[in-house]
Amino acid sequence: MSDAFSTDGFKNKIDDILSEPEIRFCGLIDPKGELVAGGFDSSIVPMLNDKQRRQLYQELAHRVANRQGFDADLGRVKYSASRRENAVMISFPYGKYIVLIMANPGINIDRFAWQILNKLGRQWSEYDSL
């Protein structure tokens, strides 16, 4: 990556998040939808193949970019979540990047999102820049 953001420091945050037993995946996605850091917990068998995961990341980046058009009226997105039958997916804007987390379906999304925000070390007012 060519900007000042270091994925090396972020890898520690990813490892910390992956240490939670409910977490299947934690990754840092760039604005183009590329996974730049992170991955699956070592005990997890991914539900999606490589091609499906790349498509998921690209669609996520597209959705996040589209949501920014509503920020002036509705405020910035703090996180977005979807509960599926087999997994919960939560995305957190992180500067120009996106932190994507996939977790087991039984989690309490709001409580869990606050835990992740604390692990990311971000304050609500810091979402504009890194």
Protein backbone atom coordinates (compact mmCIF):
# COMPACT_ATOMS: atom_id res chain seq x y z
CA MET A 1 0.00 0.00 0.00
CA SER A 2 1.37 3.39 -0.89
CA ASP A 3 -0.26 5.60 1.76
CA ALA A 4 0.83 6.20 5.34
CA PHE A 5 -1.44 3.53 6.81
CA SER A 6 0.56 0.51 7.99
CA THR A 7 -1.04 -2.91 7.81
CA ASP A 8 1.72 -4.22 10.09
CA GLY A 9 0.25 -2.49 13.11
CA PHE A 10 -3.20 -3.51 12.06
CA LYS A 11 -2.24 -7.19 11.99
CA ASN A 12 -2.00 -7.13 15.79
CA LYS A 13 -5.57 -5.84 15.99
CA ILE A 14 -6.69 -8.59 13.61
CA ASP A 15 -4.98 -11.25 15.73
CA ASP A 16 -6.66 -9.82 18.83
CA ILE A 17 -10.07 -9.92 17.15
CA LEU A 18 -9.49 -13.45 15.83
CA SER A 19 -8.74 -14.58 19.38
CA GLU A 20 -12.44 -14.19 20.21
CA PRO A 21 -14.09 -17.64 20.04
CA GLU A 22 -17.10 -16.37 18.04
CA ILE A 23 -14.97 -14.99 15.20
CA ARG A 24 -14.53 -16.91 11.97
CA PHE A 25 -12.83 -14.20 9.89
CA CYS A 26 -11.38 -10.72 10.29
CA GLY A 27 -9.97 -8.82 7.35
CA LEU A 28 -8.99 -5.35 6.19
CA ILE A 29 -10.51 -4.58 2.79
CA ASP A 30 -9.31 -1.72 0.60
CA PRO A 31 -11.62 0.57 -1.44
CA LYS A 32 -11.19 -1.68 -4.49
CA GLY A 33 -12.43 -4.72 -2.58
CA GLU A 34 -9.03 -6.37 -2.10
CA LEU A 35 -8.13 -8.15 1.11
CA VAL A 36 -4.94 -6.43 2.32
CA ALA A 37 -4.60 -8.05 5.75
CA GLY A 38 -6.28 -10.71 7.85
CA GLY A 39 -7.94 -14.00 7.24
CA PHE A 40 -9.64 -16.89 8.94
CA ASP A 41 -9.16 -18.30 12.39
CA SER A 42 -6.84 -21.29 11.96
CA SER A 43 -9.52 -23.76 13.07
CA ILE A 44 -12.13 -22.54 10.56
CA VAL A 45 -13.03 -24.07 7.23
CA PRO A 46 -14.27 -21.21 5.01
CA MET A 47 -17.87 -21.42 3.80
CA LEU A 48 -17.03 -19.65 0.54
CA ASN A 49 -14.36 -20.46 -2.03
CA ASP A 50 -11.69 -17.93 -3.10
CA LYS A 51 -13.72 -16.57 -6.01
CA GLN A 52 -16.82 -16.09 -3.84
CA ARG A 53 -14.80 -14.33 -1.15
CA ARG A 54 -13.26 -11.93 -3.70
CA GLN A 55 -16.76 -11.15 -4.97
CA LEU A 56 -17.99 -10.61 -1.40
CA TYR A 57 -15.14 -8.16 -0.68
CA GLN A 58 -15.74 -6.22 -3.91
CA GLU A 59 -19.48 -5.97 -3.28
CA LEU A 60 -18.82 -4.83 0.28
CA ALA A 61 -16.47 -2.07 -0.90
CA HIS A 62 -19.09 -0.96 -3.44
CA ARG A 63 -21.88 -0.87 -0.80
CA VAL A 64 -19.73 1.07 1.65
CA ALA A 65 -18.83 3.63 -1.03
CA ASN A 66 -22.51 4.03 -1.98
CA ARG A 67 -23.58 4.56 1.65
CA GLN A 68 -21.27 7.54 1.98
CA GLY A 69 -23.65 9.55 -0.20
CA PHE A 70 -26.09 9.66 2.73
CA ASP A 71 -23.55 10.71 5.37
CA ALA A 72 -24.41 14.43 5.22
CA ASP A 73 -28.06 13.79 6.08
CA LEU A 74 -27.97 10.62 8.17
CA GLY A 75 -24.51 10.75 9.69
CA ARG A 76 -21.58 8.43 9.10
CA VAL A 77 -21.98 4.68 9.33
CA LYS A 78 -20.42 3.29 12.50
CA TYR A 79 -20.94 -0.33 11.47
CA SER A 80 -23.24 -2.37 9.31
CA ALA A 81 -24.36 -5.92 10.07
CA SER A 82 -26.30 -8.73 8.48
CA ARG A 83 -27.46 -11.82 10.27
CA ARG A 84 -27.60 -14.89 8.06
CA GLU A 85 -28.56 -18.44 8.97
CA ASN A 86 -24.94 -19.62 9.14
CA ALA A 87 -22.97 -16.47 9.95
CA VAL A 88 -23.11 -12.85 11.02
CA MET A 89 -21.19 -10.32 8.93
CA ILE A 90 -20.26 -6.95 10.38
CA SER A 91 -18.36 -4.24 8.54
CA PHE A 92 -16.71 -1.20 10.10
CA PRO A 93 -15.50 1.77 8.05
CA TYR A 94 -11.88 2.38 9.03
CA GLY A 95 -10.63 5.46 7.24
CA LYS A 96 -10.71 4.54 3.56
CA TYR A 97 -10.64 0.84 4.45
CA ILE A 98 -13.25 -1.57 5.74
CA VAL A 99 -12.85 -4.05 8.55
CA LEU A 100 -14.96 -7.11 7.76
CA ILE A 101 -15.77 -9.61 10.46
CA MET A 102 -17.60 -12.89 10.06
CA ALA A 103 -18.83 -14.48 13.26
CA ASN A 104 -20.94 -17.38 14.44
CA PRO A 105 -24.68 -16.68 14.09
CA GLY A 106 -25.56 -16.65 17.81
CA ILE A 107 -23.80 -13.41 18.77
CA ASN A 108 -25.49 -10.26 20.04
CA ILE A 109 -24.59 -7.93 17.17
CA ASP A 110 -24.71 -4.61 19.02
CA ARG A 111 -22.74 -5.80 22.05
CA PHE A 112 -20.24 -7.51 19.80
CA ALA A 113 -19.84 -4.43 17.58
CA TRP A 114 -18.95 -2.31 20.62
CA GLN A 115 -16.33 -4.89 21.64
CA ILE A 116 -14.81 -4.76 18.17
CA LEU A 117 -14.80 -0.96 18.13
CA ASN A 118 -12.88 -1.05 21.40
CA LYS A 119 -10.40 -3.56 19.95
CA LEU A 120 -9.93 -1.36 16.90
CA GLY A 121 -9.12 1.51 19.24
CA ARG A 122 -11.36 3.92 17.39
CA GLN A 123 -13.50 6.69 18.84
CA TRP A 124 -16.84 7.58 17.23
CA SER A 125 -15.50 10.94 16.08
CA GLU A 126 -12.42 9.53 14.33
CA TYR A 127 -14.06 7.81 11.38
CA ASP A 128 -13.02 10.38 8.77
CA SER A 129 -9.32 9.78 8.72
CA LEU A 130 -6.43 7.64 9.87
